[in-house]
Amino acid sequence: MNYEQEFLKDFEEWVQTQVMVNELAMNESRRVLEEDRDERAADAYIRYESKLDAYQFIQGKFANYKAGKGFHDLPEGLFGEKRY
């Protein structure tokens, strides 16, 4: 495996880890907000959700790369799909 391939592999794994971490943190922030009504948890939830959106966007770019699509092509199923 050459340098570029290894870099992309490591970067993709890191992005996947960040998605998992931010999903867990977002869910925990939501739980704290619902149980304690702590406004700081609401702010944290928004931050984690924003980060999660960004990392999922990057995952879409990796999916394009693996499918042989261009960087600026939209990932499959982007329109008409809502994630909460």
Protein backbone atom coordinates (compact mmCIF):
# COMPACT_ATOMS: atom_id res chain seq x y z
CA MET A 1 0.00 0.00 0.00
CA ASN A 2 1.47 3.34 -1.00
CA TYR A 3 1.51 6.49 1.12
CA GLU A 4 -1.66 8.01 -0.37
CA GLN A 5 -3.66 4.81 0.04
CA GLU A 6 -2.55 4.40 3.64
CA PHE A 7 -3.32 8.04 4.39
CA LEU A 8 -6.84 7.75 2.94
CA LYS A 9 -7.45 4.51 4.84
CA ASP A 10 -6.31 6.04 8.13
CA PHE A 11 -8.28 9.22 7.51
CA GLU A 12 -11.46 7.28 6.72
CA GLU A 13 -11.07 5.22 9.89
CA TRP A 14 -10.57 8.40 11.90
CA VAL A 15 -13.71 9.97 10.40
CA GLN A 16 -15.70 6.82 11.25
CA THR A 17 -14.45 7.04 14.84
CA GLN A 18 -15.45 10.70 15.01
CA VAL A 19 -18.95 9.83 13.78
CA MET A 20 -19.33 7.22 16.52
CA VAL A 21 -17.99 9.56 19.24
CA ASN A 22 -20.22 12.45 18.19
CA GLU A 23 -23.30 10.24 17.92
CA LEU A 24 -22.71 8.98 21.47
CA ALA A 25 -22.05 12.48 22.79
CA MET A 26 -25.10 13.88 21.02
CA ASN A 27 -27.34 11.17 22.46
CA GLU A 28 -25.92 11.66 25.95
CA SER A 29 -26.44 15.44 25.68
CA ARG A 30 -30.04 14.83 24.67
CA ARG A 31 -30.54 12.50 27.63
CA VAL A 32 -29.10 15.07 30.07
CA LEU A 33 -31.25 17.79 28.53
CA GLU A 34 -34.42 15.71 28.87
CA GLU A 35 -33.67 14.54 32.40
CA ASP A 36 -32.10 17.64 33.97
CA ARG A 37 -33.31 20.46 31.71
CA ASP A 38 -29.73 21.71 31.64
CA GLU A 39 -29.35 24.38 28.96
CA ARG A 40 -25.65 23.61 28.62
CA ALA A 41 -26.67 20.17 27.40
CA ALA A 42 -28.81 21.81 24.72
CA ASP A 43 -25.80 23.80 23.52
CA ALA A 44 -23.64 20.69 23.59
CA TYR A 45 -26.25 18.77 21.61
CA ILE A 46 -26.19 21.39 18.87
CA ARG A 47 -22.38 21.36 18.72
CA TYR A 48 -22.22 17.57 18.50
CA GLU A 49 -24.96 17.49 15.88
CA SER A 50 -23.08 20.04 13.77
CA LYS A 51 -19.85 18.06 14.00
CA LEU A 52 -21.71 14.87 13.16
CA ASP A 53 -23.17 16.47 10.03
CA ALA A 54 -19.69 17.53 8.92
CA TYR A 55 -18.18 14.08 9.48
CA GLN A 56 -21.08 12.42 7.67
CA PHE A 57 -20.49 14.80 4.77
CA ILE A 58 -16.88 13.61 4.63
CA GLN A 59 -18.09 10.00 4.74
CA GLY A 60 -20.15 10.81 1.65
CA LYS A 61 -16.98 11.96 -0.09
CA PHE A 62 -15.31 8.65 0.74
CA ALA A 63 -18.36 6.83 -0.65
CA ASN A 64 -18.01 8.84 -3.87
CA TYR A 65 -14.32 7.97 -4.06
CA LYS A 66 -15.02 4.25 -3.65
CA ALA A 67 -17.79 4.42 -6.26
CA GLY A 68 -15.46 6.11 -8.75
CA LYS A 69 -17.41 9.37 -8.67
CA GLY A 70 -15.96 12.85 -8.68
CA PHE A 71 -15.33 14.78 -5.49
CA HIS A 72 -18.14 17.26 -6.19
CA ASP A 73 -20.76 14.64 -7.11
CA LEU A 74 -23.59 14.34 -4.61
CA PRO A 75 -23.84 11.13 -2.62
CA GLU A 76 -26.71 8.77 -3.42
CA GLY A 77 -29.96 9.44 -1.58
CA LEU A 78 -28.98 12.93 -0.44
CA PHE A 79 -32.20 14.61 -1.49
CA GLY A 80 -35.42 13.64 0.18
CA GLU A 81 -33.57 12.21 3.16
CA LYS A 82 -33.73 13.75 6.60
CA ARG A 83 -31.63 12.75 9.58
CA TYR A 84 -32.44 13.82 13.09
